[in-house]
């Protein structure tokens, strides 16, 4: 057994998984009244589910590791896009 798992990041990680986490999180926010402090945790849970059961199903440690990255990258992407849109519109 290796000391650290070999984790391959690929096209799936950047182009499909992270936007999918953002979209699923937004859908859950529309369906259920979710408080703002819980949204990053929900994004991490969705990222873990996608990573463990779909992207890295043969390696639990890689799934856990990358699932947290999926969730945090999705939160960062959403925050960045929201900030850019507010700046473009001239909102304070």
N, C-alpha and C. Protein backbone atom coordinates (compact mmCIF):
# COMPACT_ATOMS: atom_id res chain seq x y z
N UNK A 1 0.84 -1.18 0.00
CA UNK A 1 0.00 0.00 0.00
C UNK A 1 0.88 1.24 0.00
N UNK A 2 0.49 2.20 -0.78
CA UNK A 2 1.25 3.44 -0.88
C UNK A 2 0.96 4.35 0.29
N UNK A 3 1.91 5.22 0.61
CA UNK A 3 1.72 6.16 1.72
C UNK A 3 0.64 7.18 1.38
N UNK A 4 0.61 7.65 0.16
CA UNK A 4 -0.38 8.62 -0.28
C UNK A 4 -1.06 8.11 -1.55
N UNK A 5 -2.35 8.33 -1.69
CA UNK A 5 -3.01 7.85 -2.92
C UNK A 5 -2.60 8.68 -4.13
N UNK A 6 -2.55 8.05 -5.25
CA UNK A 6 -2.29 8.76 -6.50
C UNK A 6 -3.62 9.33 -6.97
N UNK A 7 -3.68 10.63 -7.10
CA UNK A 7 -4.92 11.29 -7.49
C UNK A 7 -4.68 11.98 -8.84
N UNK A 8 -5.46 11.60 -9.81
CA UNK A 8 -5.35 12.18 -11.14
C UNK A 8 -6.45 13.23 -11.31
N UNK A 9 -6.06 14.46 -11.49
CA UNK A 9 -7.05 15.48 -11.82
C UNK A 9 -7.13 15.55 -13.34
N UNK A 10 -8.31 15.72 -13.85
CA UNK A 10 -8.49 15.68 -15.29
C UNK A 10 -9.60 16.64 -15.70
N UNK A 11 -10.05 16.49 -16.91
CA UNK A 11 -11.11 17.30 -17.49
C UNK A 11 -12.37 17.26 -16.63
N UNK A 12 -12.69 16.10 -16.08
CA UNK A 12 -13.88 15.92 -15.25
C UNK A 12 -13.87 16.88 -14.07
N UNK A 13 -12.74 17.00 -13.41
CA UNK A 13 -12.65 17.80 -12.20
C UNK A 13 -12.97 19.27 -12.45
N UNK A 14 -12.36 19.84 -13.44
CA UNK A 14 -12.47 21.28 -13.64
C UNK A 14 -13.72 21.70 -14.39
N UNK A 15 -14.16 20.92 -15.34
CA UNK A 15 -15.22 21.37 -16.23
C UNK A 15 -16.59 20.80 -15.89
N UNK A 16 -16.63 19.65 -15.26
CA UNK A 16 -17.93 19.03 -15.00
C UNK A 16 -18.28 19.01 -13.52
N UNK A 17 -17.38 18.54 -12.68
CA UNK A 17 -17.71 18.31 -11.26
C UNK A 17 -17.98 19.61 -10.51
N UNK A 18 -17.11 20.60 -10.65
CA UNK A 18 -17.28 21.84 -9.88
C UNK A 18 -18.54 22.60 -10.32
N UNK A 19 -18.78 22.81 -11.62
CA UNK A 19 -20.05 23.45 -11.99
C UNK A 19 -21.28 22.64 -11.59
N UNK A 20 -21.17 21.32 -11.60
CA UNK A 20 -22.28 20.47 -11.17
C UNK A 20 -22.59 20.69 -9.69
N UNK A 21 -21.56 20.84 -8.88
CA UNK A 21 -21.77 21.13 -7.46
C UNK A 21 -22.46 22.48 -7.29
N UNK A 22 -22.03 23.48 -8.06
CA UNK A 22 -22.66 24.81 -7.98
C UNK A 22 -24.13 24.71 -8.37
N UNK A 23 -24.42 24.03 -9.46
CA UNK A 23 -25.80 23.92 -9.94
C UNK A 23 -26.68 23.17 -8.93
N UNK A 24 -26.19 22.06 -8.41
CA UNK A 24 -26.98 21.29 -7.44
C UNK A 24 -27.19 22.08 -6.15
N UNK A 25 -26.20 22.82 -5.73
CA UNK A 25 -26.34 23.66 -4.53
C UNK A 25 -27.39 24.74 -4.75
N UNK A 26 -27.38 25.36 -5.92
CA UNK A 26 -28.37 26.39 -6.22
C UNK A 26 -29.78 25.80 -6.28
N UNK A 27 -29.90 24.63 -6.85
CA UNK A 27 -31.22 23.97 -6.90
C UNK A 27 -31.73 23.70 -5.49
N UNK A 28 -30.85 23.21 -4.62
CA UNK A 28 -31.26 22.96 -3.24
C UNK A 28 -31.63 24.26 -2.52
N UNK A 29 -30.93 25.34 -2.83
CA UNK A 29 -31.26 26.64 -2.22
C UNK A 29 -32.63 27.12 -2.67
N UNK A 30 -33.01 26.84 -3.91
CA UNK A 30 -34.32 27.26 -4.41
C UNK A 30 -35.43 26.40 -3.82
N UNK A 31 -35.17 25.11 -3.64
CA UNK A 31 -36.20 24.20 -3.15
C UNK A 31 -36.41 24.35 -1.65
N UNK A 32 -35.32 24.39 -0.90
CA UNK A 32 -35.39 24.44 0.56
C UNK A 32 -34.89 25.79 1.08
N UNK A 33 -35.47 26.29 2.17
CA UNK A 33 -34.97 27.54 2.76
C UNK A 33 -33.69 27.27 3.56
N UNK A 34 -32.54 27.38 2.88
CA UNK A 34 -31.26 27.08 3.51
C UNK A 34 -30.60 28.39 3.94
N UNK A 35 -30.16 28.43 5.18
CA UNK A 35 -29.47 29.60 5.71
C UNK A 35 -28.08 29.72 5.08
N UNK A 36 -27.61 30.95 4.88
CA UNK A 36 -26.34 31.19 4.21
C UNK A 36 -25.14 30.49 4.85
N UNK A 37 -25.05 30.42 6.17
CA UNK A 37 -23.86 29.74 6.75
C UNK A 37 -23.78 28.25 6.44
N UNK A 38 -24.89 27.62 6.06
CA UNK A 38 -24.89 26.19 5.79
C UNK A 38 -24.58 25.84 4.34
N UNK A 39 -24.58 26.82 3.45
CA UNK A 39 -24.39 26.55 2.03
C UNK A 39 -23.01 25.95 1.73
N UNK A 40 -21.90 26.46 2.27
CA UNK A 40 -20.61 25.81 1.99
C UNK A 40 -20.55 24.35 2.47
N UNK A 41 -21.15 24.05 3.58
CA UNK A 41 -21.18 22.67 4.06
C UNK A 41 -21.97 21.77 3.14
N UNK A 42 -23.08 22.28 2.64
CA UNK A 42 -23.89 21.51 1.69
C UNK A 42 -23.12 21.28 0.40
N UNK A 43 -22.40 22.30 -0.07
CA UNK A 43 -21.58 22.15 -1.27
C UNK A 43 -20.49 21.10 -1.05
N UNK A 44 -19.90 21.07 0.14
CA UNK A 44 -18.90 20.05 0.43
C UNK A 44 -19.50 18.65 0.45
N UNK A 45 -20.69 18.50 1.01
CA UNK A 45 -21.35 17.19 1.03
C UNK A 45 -21.66 16.73 -0.39
N UNK A 46 -22.15 17.64 -1.22
CA UNK A 46 -22.44 17.28 -2.62
C UNK A 46 -21.14 16.92 -3.34
N UNK A 47 -20.08 17.69 -3.10
CA UNK A 47 -18.78 17.37 -3.70
C UNK A 47 -18.26 16.01 -3.27
N UNK A 48 -18.44 15.69 -1.99
CA UNK A 48 -18.01 14.38 -1.50
C UNK A 48 -18.82 13.25 -2.14
N UNK A 49 -20.11 13.45 -2.27
CA UNK A 49 -20.96 12.42 -2.89
C UNK A 49 -20.54 12.18 -4.33
N UNK A 50 -20.35 13.25 -5.08
CA UNK A 50 -19.95 13.11 -6.49
C UNK A 50 -18.59 12.45 -6.59
N UNK A 51 -17.66 12.87 -5.75
CA UNK A 51 -16.31 12.34 -5.83
C UNK A 51 -16.22 10.88 -5.40
N UNK A 52 -16.85 10.54 -4.28
CA UNK A 52 -16.74 9.18 -3.75
C UNK A 52 -17.50 8.18 -4.62
N UNK A 53 -18.70 8.54 -5.06
CA UNK A 53 -19.53 7.57 -5.76
C UNK A 53 -19.40 7.59 -7.29
N UNK A 54 -18.83 8.65 -7.85
CA UNK A 54 -18.73 8.71 -9.31
C UNK A 54 -17.30 8.90 -9.81
N UNK A 55 -16.63 9.96 -9.36
CA UNK A 55 -15.32 10.30 -9.92
C UNK A 55 -14.20 9.37 -9.46
N UNK A 56 -14.19 9.05 -8.17
CA UNK A 56 -13.09 8.23 -7.62
C UNK A 56 -13.65 7.05 -6.83
N UNK A 57 -14.50 6.30 -7.45
CA UNK A 57 -15.19 5.23 -6.73
C UNK A 57 -14.29 4.07 -6.34
N UNK A 58 -13.13 3.95 -6.92
CA UNK A 58 -12.24 2.84 -6.59
C UNK A 58 -11.26 3.17 -5.46
N UNK A 59 -11.22 4.41 -5.02
CA UNK A 59 -10.25 4.82 -4.02
C UNK A 59 -10.93 5.79 -3.05
N UNK A 60 -11.23 5.31 -1.85
CA UNK A 60 -11.95 6.13 -0.87
C UNK A 60 -11.17 7.38 -0.48
N UNK A 61 -9.87 7.23 -0.24
CA UNK A 61 -9.08 8.40 0.20
C UNK A 61 -9.01 9.45 -0.89
N UNK A 62 -8.86 9.05 -2.13
CA UNK A 62 -8.87 10.01 -3.23
C UNK A 62 -10.24 10.66 -3.35
N UNK A 63 -11.30 9.88 -3.13
CA UNK A 63 -12.66 10.44 -3.18
C UNK A 63 -12.89 11.47 -2.10
N UNK A 64 -12.43 11.18 -0.88
CA UNK A 64 -12.58 12.16 0.20
C UNK A 64 -11.77 13.41 -0.07
N UNK A 65 -10.54 13.24 -0.49
CA UNK A 65 -9.64 14.36 -0.75
C UNK A 65 -10.20 15.26 -1.86
N UNK A 66 -10.57 14.66 -2.98
CA UNK A 66 -11.06 15.45 -4.11
C UNK A 66 -12.47 15.98 -3.86
N UNK A 67 -13.29 15.29 -3.09
CA UNK A 67 -14.63 15.77 -2.79
C UNK A 67 -14.62 17.08 -2.04
N UNK A 68 -13.70 17.23 -1.09
CA UNK A 68 -13.57 18.50 -0.39
C UNK A 68 -13.12 19.59 -1.35
N UNK A 69 -12.22 19.25 -2.27
CA UNK A 69 -11.81 20.23 -3.27
C UNK A 69 -12.96 20.63 -4.18
N UNK A 70 -13.79 19.67 -4.59
CA UNK A 70 -14.95 20.00 -5.43
C UNK A 70 -15.86 20.99 -4.72
N UNK A 71 -16.17 20.72 -3.47
CA UNK A 71 -17.07 21.59 -2.72
C UNK A 71 -16.50 22.97 -2.51
N UNK A 72 -15.23 23.04 -2.10
CA UNK A 72 -14.62 24.34 -1.86
C UNK A 72 -14.39 25.12 -3.15
N UNK A 73 -14.06 24.44 -4.22
CA UNK A 73 -13.91 25.11 -5.51
C UNK A 73 -15.24 25.67 -6.00
N UNK A 74 -16.32 24.94 -5.76
CA UNK A 74 -17.64 25.41 -6.15
C UNK A 74 -18.04 26.65 -5.37
N UNK A 75 -17.76 26.67 -4.07
CA UNK A 75 -18.07 27.85 -3.25
C UNK A 75 -17.24 29.04 -3.72
N UNK A 76 -15.97 28.82 -4.00
CA UNK A 76 -15.11 29.89 -4.50
C UNK A 76 -15.55 30.40 -5.86
N UNK A 77 -15.94 29.51 -6.74
CA UNK A 77 -16.43 29.90 -8.06
C UNK A 77 -17.68 30.75 -7.94
N UNK A 78 -18.62 30.32 -7.10
CA UNK A 78 -19.86 31.07 -6.91
C UNK A 78 -19.58 32.46 -6.33
N UNK A 79 -18.73 32.53 -5.31
CA UNK A 79 -18.41 33.82 -4.69
C UNK A 79 -17.70 34.74 -5.67
N UNK A 80 -16.81 34.19 -6.46
CA UNK A 80 -16.09 35.00 -7.46
C UNK A 80 -17.03 35.54 -8.52
N UNK A 81 -17.90 34.69 -9.05
CA UNK A 81 -18.85 35.14 -10.07
C UNK A 81 -19.82 36.19 -9.51
N UNK A 82 -20.27 36.00 -8.28
CA UNK A 82 -21.18 36.96 -7.65
C UNK A 82 -20.49 38.31 -7.45
N UNK A 83 -19.23 38.31 -7.00
CA UNK A 83 -18.48 39.54 -6.81
C UNK A 83 -18.23 40.25 -8.14
N UNK A 84 -17.89 39.50 -9.17
CA UNK A 84 -17.65 40.09 -10.48
C UNK A 84 -18.92 40.70 -11.05
N UNK A 85 -20.04 40.03 -10.89
CA UNK A 85 -21.31 40.54 -11.39
C UNK A 85 -21.72 41.82 -10.66
N UNK A 86 -21.53 41.84 -9.35
CA UNK A 86 -21.85 43.04 -8.58
C UNK A 86 -20.96 44.21 -9.00
N UNK A 87 -19.68 43.95 -9.24
CA UNK A 87 -18.77 45.00 -9.68
C UNK A 87 -19.14 45.50 -11.07
N UNK A 88 -19.53 44.60 -11.95
CA UNK A 88 -19.90 44.98 -13.30
C UNK A 88 -21.16 45.85 -13.31
N UNK A 89 -22.12 45.50 -12.44
CA UNK A 89 -23.36 46.27 -12.35
C UNK A 89 -23.18 47.60 -11.60
N UNK A 90 -22.10 47.70 -10.83
CA UNK A 90 -21.87 48.91 -10.05
C UNK A 90 -22.61 48.90 -8.72
N UNK A 91 -23.02 47.72 -8.25
CA UNK A 91 -23.68 47.60 -6.96
C UNK A 91 -22.66 47.81 -5.85
N UNK A 92 -23.17 48.25 -4.70
CA UNK A 92 -22.26 48.43 -3.56
C UNK A 92 -22.31 47.25 -2.65
